[in-house]
Amino acid sequence: MKRRRFLTVTMGALVLGGLLVAACDSADSPAEAQGVLADLPGITQNRDKALAAAQRFVILPAFNSDAVLDKETGLVWEKSPQTTSTRWSVARRTCTEKNVGGQKGWRLPSLEELASLVDPSIAPPGLALPPGHPFLAVQSAVYWSSTRVGEDPKGSWGVHFGLGGGATFINWAHSVQVWCVRGGMNTDQ
């Protein structure tokens, strides 16, 4: 059982690495190339260099301070994701129906988007988020992504924030955490 789990986490990490490399090689859309967010004018993305958490994350007053802008990716995250676990179909619906700080337009993040929050320097079982991050209630657990495993009708990828941020396959019958995002381009939906 331990070997199977090790292989699953290892394979997930390899796939995640491949997705991140592929994403770095893909061409940006004209709006992304200029570093301008469509839904937050005046905020620019900074994908070229890593920022310290204090400079990277901005709590947004326009969302009643319940959302956080990641200036490296241009994504807006819930400041406090829900603390209860849920199945994948419910997670997708929860994000779609979510209202954070009076704002709609939330969705389940892709594997790449969720993994962008991971700080690989944090050793397990620590919470793999950058030191000084502003998020509340994030657990050292698996969070759903919208990224499906090929055409597999049984599950999706998740990111385990307690095991170094490794990607792992989760069967849709299981319940895990959900963290909604807004903005950016999500090709999985």
C-alpha atoms as a PDB file:
ATOM      1  CA  MET A   1       0.000   0.000   0.000  1.00  0.00           C
ATOM      2  CA  LYS A   2       2.823   2.410   0.883  1.00  0.00           C
ATOM      3  CA  ARG A   3       4.618   1.571  -2.352  1.00  0.00           C
ATOM      4  CA  ARG A   4       1.445   2.202  -4.356  1.00  0.00           C
ATOM      5  CA  ARG A   5       0.962   5.574  -2.660  1.00  0.00           C
ATOM      6  CA  PHE A   6       4.626   6.464  -3.280  1.00  0.00           C
ATOM      7  CA  LEU A   7       4.240   5.563  -6.953  1.00  0.00           C
ATOM      8  CA  THR A   8       1.027   7.578  -7.238  1.00  0.00           C
ATOM      9  CA  VAL A   9       2.617  10.670  -5.676  1.00  0.00           C
ATOM     10  CA  THR A  10       5.791  10.236  -7.748  1.00  0.00           C
ATOM     11  CA  MET A  11       3.851   9.852 -10.997  1.00  0.00           C
ATOM     12  CA  GLY A  12       1.711  12.819 -10.049  1.00  0.00           C
ATOM     13  CA  ALA A  13       4.795  14.940  -9.429  1.00  0.00           C
ATOM     14  CA  LEU A  14       6.229  13.926 -12.797  1.00  0.00           C
ATOM     15  CA  VAL A  15       2.993  14.769 -14.595  1.00  0.00           C
ATOM     16  CA  LEU A  16       2.742  18.065 -12.718  1.00  0.00           C
ATOM     17  CA  GLY A  17       6.310  18.903 -13.728  1.00  0.00           C
ATOM     18  CA  GLY A  18       5.479  18.101 -17.345  1.00  0.00           C
ATOM     19  CA  LEU A  19       2.372  20.282 -17.207  1.00  0.00           C
ATOM     20  CA  LEU A  20       4.347  23.157 -15.749  1.00  0.00           C
ATOM     21  CA  VAL A  21       7.062  22.837 -18.422  1.00  0.00           C
ATOM     22  CA  ALA A  22       4.433  22.661 -21.156  1.00  0.00           C
ATOM     23  CA  ALA A  23       2.678  25.713 -19.748  1.00  0.00           C
ATOM     24  CA  CYS A  24       5.933  27.672 -19.755  1.00  0.00           C
ATOM     25  CA  ASP A  25       6.470  26.799 -23.414  1.00  0.00           C
ATOM     26  CA  SER A  26       2.953  27.652 -24.576  1.00  0.00           C
ATOM     27  CA  ALA A  27       2.229  30.967 -26.248  1.00  0.00           C
ATOM     28  CA  ASP A  28       0.344  33.586 -24.266  1.00  0.00           C
ATOM     29  CA  SER A  29      -2.755  35.282 -25.573  1.00  0.00           C
ATOM     30  CA  PRO A  30      -2.327  38.966 -26.551  1.00  0.00           C
ATOM     31  CA  ALA A  31      -3.894  40.161 -23.259  1.00  0.00           C
ATOM     32  CA  GLU A  32      -1.652  37.832 -21.249  1.00  0.00           C
ATOM     33  CA  ALA A  33       1.415  38.848 -23.231  1.00  0.00           C
ATOM     34  CA  GLN A  34       0.798  42.442 -22.168  1.00  0.00           C
ATOM     35  CA  GLY A  35       0.362  41.276 -18.564  1.00  0.00           C
ATOM     36  CA  VAL A  36      -3.108  42.791 -18.169  1.00  0.00           C
ATOM     37  CA  LEU A  37      -5.982  41.035 -16.443  1.00  0.00           C
ATOM     38  CA  ALA A  38      -9.306  41.218 -18.204  1.00  0.00           C
ATOM     39  CA  ASP A  39     -11.369  41.350 -14.987  1.00  0.00           C
ATOM     40  CA  LEU A  40      -9.013  43.501 -12.874  1.00  0.00           C
ATOM     41  CA  PRO A  41      -7.815  46.424 -15.015  1.00  0.00           C
ATOM     42  CA  GLY A  42      -4.616  48.062 -13.858  1.00  0.00           C
ATOM     43  CA  ILE A  43      -3.274  44.889 -12.214  1.00  0.00           C
ATOM     44  CA  THR A  44      -0.386  43.313 -14.085  1.00  0.00           C
ATOM     45  CA  GLN A  45       0.933  39.795 -13.904  1.00  0.00           C
ATOM     46  CA  ASN A  46       4.543  39.062 -13.111  1.00  0.00           C
ATOM     47  CA  ARG A  47       5.406  35.556 -14.331  1.00  0.00           C
ATOM     48  CA  ASP A  48       9.063  36.279 -15.024  1.00  0.00           C
ATOM     49  CA  LYS A  49      10.307  36.293 -11.439  1.00  0.00           C
ATOM     50  CA  ALA A  50       9.275  34.916  -8.086  1.00  0.00           C
ATOM     51  CA  LEU A  51       8.032  37.478  -5.605  1.00  0.00           C
ATOM     52  CA  ALA A  52       8.193  37.313  -1.825  1.00  0.00           C
ATOM     53  CA  ALA A  53       4.791  36.449  -0.330  1.00  0.00           C
ATOM     54  CA  ALA A  54       4.406  39.986   1.053  1.00  0.00           C
ATOM     55  CA  GLN A  55       4.750  41.386  -2.501  1.00  0.00           C
ATOM     56  CA  ARG A  56       3.179  38.476  -4.362  1.00  0.00           C
ATOM     57  CA  PHE A  57      -0.197  38.323  -2.608  1.00  0.00           C
ATOM     58  CA  VAL A  58      -2.583  41.276  -2.267  1.00  0.00           C
ATOM     59  CA  ILE A  59      -5.765  41.144  -0.211  1.00  0.00           C
ATOM     60  CA  LEU A  60      -8.485  42.775  -2.319  1.00  0.00           C
ATOM     61  CA  PRO A  61     -10.716  45.366  -0.611  1.00  0.00           C
ATOM     62  CA  ALA A  62     -13.072  45.232  -3.634  1.00  0.00           C
ATOM     63  CA  PHE A  63     -13.955  41.675  -2.495  1.00  0.00           C
ATOM     64  CA  ASN A  64     -14.559  42.757   1.147  1.00  0.00           C
ATOM     65  CA  SER A  65     -10.982  41.524   1.806  1.00  0.00           C
ATOM     66  CA  ASP A  66     -12.212  37.939   1.304  1.00  0.00           C
ATOM     67  CA  ALA A  67     -10.100  37.345  -1.827  1.00  0.00           C
ATOM     68  CA  VAL A  68      -6.391  37.450  -2.619  1.00  0.00           C
ATOM     69  CA  LEU A  69      -4.719  38.451  -5.880  1.00  0.00           C
ATOM     70  CA  ASP A  70      -1.632  36.433  -6.808  1.00  0.00           C
ATOM     71  CA  LYS A  71       0.486  38.944  -8.754  1.00  0.00           C
ATOM     72  CA  GLU A  72       2.674  36.160 -10.199  1.00  0.00           C
ATOM     73  CA  THR A  73      -0.242  34.480 -11.982  1.00  0.00           C
ATOM     74  CA  GLY A  74      -2.945  37.150 -12.072  1.00  0.00           C
ATOM     75  CA  LEU A  75      -5.395  34.746 -10.415  1.00  0.00           C
ATOM     76  CA  VAL A  76      -7.732  35.722  -7.597  1.00  0.00           C
ATOM     77  CA  TRP A  77      -8.134  33.100  -4.849  1.00  0.00           C
ATOM     78  CA  GLU A  78     -10.537  32.749  -1.972  1.00  0.00           C
ATOM     79  CA  LYS A  79      -8.760  34.000   1.123  1.00  0.00           C
ATOM     80  CA  SER A  80     -10.443  31.273   3.207  1.00  0.00           C
ATOM     81  CA  PRO A  81     -11.419  28.145   1.290  1.00  0.00           C
ATOM     82  CA  GLN A  82     -14.192  26.045   2.798  1.00  0.00           C
ATOM     83  CA  THR A  83     -12.991  23.609   5.445  1.00  0.00           C
ATOM     84  CA  THR A  84     -15.295  20.722   4.581  1.00  0.00           C
ATOM     85  CA  SER A  85     -14.416  18.128   1.971  1.00  0.00           C
ATOM     86  CA  THR A  86     -16.699  17.303  -0.929  1.00  0.00           C
ATOM     87  CA  ARG A  87     -16.929  15.179  -4.056  1.00  0.00           C
ATOM     88  CA  TRP A  88     -15.631  16.562  -7.373  1.00  0.00           C
ATOM     89  CA  SER A  89     -19.058  17.239  -8.944  1.00  0.00           C
ATOM     90  CA  VAL A  90     -20.165  19.126  -5.841  1.00  0.00           C
ATOM     91  CA  ALA A  91     -16.843  21.009  -5.758  1.00  0.00           C
ATOM     92  CA  ARG A  92     -17.352  22.247  -9.332  1.00  0.00           C
ATOM     93  CA  ARG A  93     -20.906  23.346  -8.571  1.00  0.00           C
ATOM     94  CA  THR A  94     -19.826  24.961  -5.275  1.00  0.00           C
ATOM     95  CA  CYS A  95     -17.279  27.128  -7.096  1.00  0.00           C
ATOM     96  CA  THR A  96     -19.679  28.031  -9.896  1.00  0.00           C
ATOM     97  CA  GLU A  97     -22.312  29.144  -7.378  1.00  0.00           C
ATOM     98  CA  LYS A  98     -19.832  30.797  -4.986  1.00  0.00           C
ATOM     99  CA  ASN A  99     -20.136  34.450  -4.003  1.00  0.00           C
ATOM    100  CA  VAL A 100     -16.986  35.779  -2.334  1.00  0.00           C
ATOM    101  CA  GLY A 101     -16.948  39.386  -1.206  1.00  0.00           C
ATOM    102  CA  GLY A 102     -20.072  40.048  -3.256  1.00  0.00           C
ATOM    103  CA  GLN A 103     -18.420  38.743  -6.440  1.00  0.00           C
ATOM    104  CA  LYS A 104     -19.490  35.793  -8.632  1.00  0.00           C
ATOM    105  CA  GLY A 105     -17.464  34.164 -11.434  1.00  0.00           C
ATOM    106  CA  TRP A 106     -15.558  31.549  -9.384  1.00  0.00           C
ATOM    107  CA  ARG A 107     -14.481  28.144 -10.677  1.00  0.00           C
ATOM    108  CA  LEU A 108     -12.468  25.085  -9.752  1.00  0.00           C
ATOM    109  CA  PRO A 109      -8.786  25.724 -10.625  1.00  0.00           C
ATOM    110  CA  SER A 110      -6.804  23.655 -13.091  1.00  0.00           C
ATOM    111  CA  LEU A 111      -3.956  21.488 -11.807  1.00  0.00           C
ATOM    112  CA  GLU A 112      -1.416  24.028 -13.080  1.00  0.00           C
ATOM    113  CA  GLU A 113      -3.210  26.928 -11.359  1.00  0.00           C
ATOM    114  CA  LEU A 114      -3.505  25.098  -8.044  1.00  0.00           C
ATOM    115  CA  ALA A 115       0.130  23.969  -8.205  1.00  0.00           C
ATOM    116  CA  SER A 116       1.216  27.586  -8.775  1.00  0.00           C
ATOM    117  CA  LEU A 117       0.541  28.220  -5.064  1.00  0.00           C
ATOM    118  CA  VAL A 118       2.920  25.467  -3.933  1.00  0.00           C
ATOM    119  CA  ASP A 119       6.211  26.371  -2.292  1.00  0.00           C
ATOM    120  CA  PRO A 120       8.397  23.309  -2.986  1.00  0.00           C
ATOM    121  CA  SER A 121      10.872  24.331  -0.276  1.00  0.00           C
ATOM    122  CA  ILE A 122       8.362  23.409   2.452  1.00  0.00           C
ATOM    123  CA  ALA A 123       9.066  19.857   3.623  1.00  0.00           C
ATOM    124  CA  PRO A 124       6.175  17.474   4.317  1.00  0.00           C
ATOM    125  CA  PRO A 125       4.055  17.438   6.385  1.00  0.00           C
ATOM    126  CA  GLY A 126       4.192  21.252   6.446  1.00  0.00           C
ATOM    127  CA  LEU A 127       1.631  23.333   4.572  1.00  0.00           C
ATOM    128  CA  ALA A 128       3.278  23.841   1.153  1.00  0.00           C
ATOM    129  CA  LEU A 129       2.399  27.524   0.784  1.00  0.00           C
ATOM    130  CA  PRO A 130       4.942  30.377   0.723  1.00  0.00           C
ATOM    131  CA  PRO A 131       5.855  31.679   4.201  1.00  0.00           C
ATOM    132  CA  GLY A 132       3.916  34.839   4.990  1.00  0.00           C
ATOM    133  CA  HIS A 133       0.985  33.981   2.686  1.00  0.00           C
ATOM    134  CA  PRO A 134      -2.312  35.698   3.633  1.00  0.00           C
ATOM    135  CA  PHE A 135      -4.587  32.654   3.266  1.00  0.00           C
ATOM    136  CA  LEU A 136      -6.702  31.362   6.149  1.00  0.00           C
ATOM    137  CA  ALA A 137      -8.080  27.875   6.854  1.00  0.00           C
ATOM    138  CA  VAL A 138      -5.955  26.145   4.178  1.00  0.00           C
ATOM    139  CA  GLN A 139      -5.355  22.575   5.300  1.00  0.00           C
ATOM    140  CA  SER A 140      -2.411  20.219   4.774  1.00  0.00           C
ATOM    141  CA  ALA A 141      -4.656  18.093   2.591  1.00  0.00           C
ATOM    142  CA  VAL A 142      -5.602  17.306  -1.018  1.00  0.00           C
ATOM    143  CA  TYR A 143      -7.526  19.940  -2.992  1.00  0.00           C
ATOM    144  CA  TRP A 144      -9.499  19.200  -6.154  1.00  0.00           C
ATOM    145  CA  SER A 145      -8.454  20.547  -9.537  1.00  0.00           C
ATOM    146  CA  SER A 146     -10.621  20.661 -12.649  1.00  0.00           C
ATOM    147  CA  THR A 147      -7.947  18.744 -14.593  1.00  0.00           C
ATOM    148  CA  ARG A 148      -9.124  15.284 -15.542  1.00  0.00           C
ATOM    149  CA  VAL A 149      -6.800  12.372 -16.107  1.00  0.00           C
ATOM    150  CA  GLY A 150      -7.084  12.008 -19.884  1.00  0.00           C
ATOM    151  CA  GLU A 151     -10.523  10.708 -20.675  1.00  0.00           C
ATOM    152  CA  ASP A 152     -10.792   8.779 -17.402  1.00  0.00           C
ATOM    153  CA  PRO A 153     -14.422   9.067 -16.316  1.00  0.00           C
ATOM    154  CA  LYS A 154     -13.564   8.206 -12.724  1.00  0.00           C
ATOM    155  CA  GLY A 155     -11.417  10.999 -11.368  1.00  0.00           C
ATOM    156  CA  SER A 156      -9.301  14.127 -11.524  1.00  0.00           C
ATOM    157  CA  TRP A 157      -5.953  15.417 -10.376  1.00  0.00           C
ATOM    158  CA  GLY A 158      -5.591  17.034  -7.013  1.00  0.00           C
ATOM    159  CA  VAL A 159      -2.748  18.821  -5.225  1.00  0.00           C
ATOM    160  CA  HIS A 160      -1.711  17.654  -1.758  1.00  0.00           C
ATOM    161  CA  PHE A 161      -0.583  20.726   0.179  1.00  0.00           C
ATOM    162  CA  GLY A 162       0.669  18.513   3.023  1.00  0.00           C
ATOM    163  CA  LEU A 163       2.963  16.291   0.947  1.00  0.00           C
ATOM    164  CA  GLY A 164       5.061  18.956  -0.714  1.00  0.00           C
ATOM    165  CA  GLY A 165       2.361  19.987  -3.163  1.00  0.00           C
ATOM    166  CA  GLY A 166       2.503  16.784  -5.187  1.00  0.00           C
ATOM    167  CA  ALA A 167      -0.189  15.986  -7.725  1.00  0.00           C
ATOM    168  CA  THR A 168      -2.285  12.927  -7.040  1.00  0.00           C
ATOM    169  CA  PHE A 169      -5.148  11.134  -8.788  1.00  0.00           C
ATOM    170  CA  ILE A 170      -8.408  11.287  -6.841  1.00  0.00           C
ATOM    171  CA  ASN A 171     -11.412   9.121  -7.665  1.00  0.00           C
ATOM    172  CA  TRP A 172     -14.584  11.190  -7.930  1.00  0.00           C
ATOM    173  CA  ALA A 173     -16.239   8.979  -5.308  1.00  0.00           C
ATOM    174  CA  HIS A 174     -13.911  10.463  -2.667  1.00  0.00           C
ATOM    175  CA  SER A 175     -14.376  13.750  -0.887  1.00  0.00           C
ATOM    176  CA  VAL A 176     -11.463  16.177  -0.628  1.00  0.00           C
ATOM    177  CA  GLN A 177     -11.008  19.925  -0.123  1.00  0.00           C
ATOM    178  CA  VAL A 178     -12.029  22.622  -2.604  1.00  0.00           C
ATOM    179  CA  TRP A 179     -10.404  26.034  -3.167  1.00  0.00           C
ATOM    180  CA  CYS A 180     -12.069  28.261  -5.752  1.00  0.00           C
ATOM    181  CA  VAL A 181     -10.334  30.704  -8.079  1.00  0.00           C
ATOM    182  CA  ARG A 182     -11.323  33.424 -10.500  1.00  0.00           C
ATOM    183  CA  GLY A 183      -9.645  35.003 -13.526  1.00  0.00           C
ATOM    184  CA  GLY A 184      -7.030  33.564 -15.825  1.00  0.00           C
ATOM    185  CA  MET A 185      -7.533  30.990 -18.508  1.00  0.00           C
ATOM    186  CA  ASN A 186      -8.683  27.502 -17.567  1.00  0.00           C
ATOM    187  CA  THR A 187      -8.668  25.245 -20.609  1.00  0.00           C
ATOM    188  CA  ASP A 188     -10.107  22.303 -18.689  1.00  0.00           C
ATOM    189  CA  GLN A 189     -13.597  23.744 -18.455  1.00  0.00           C
END
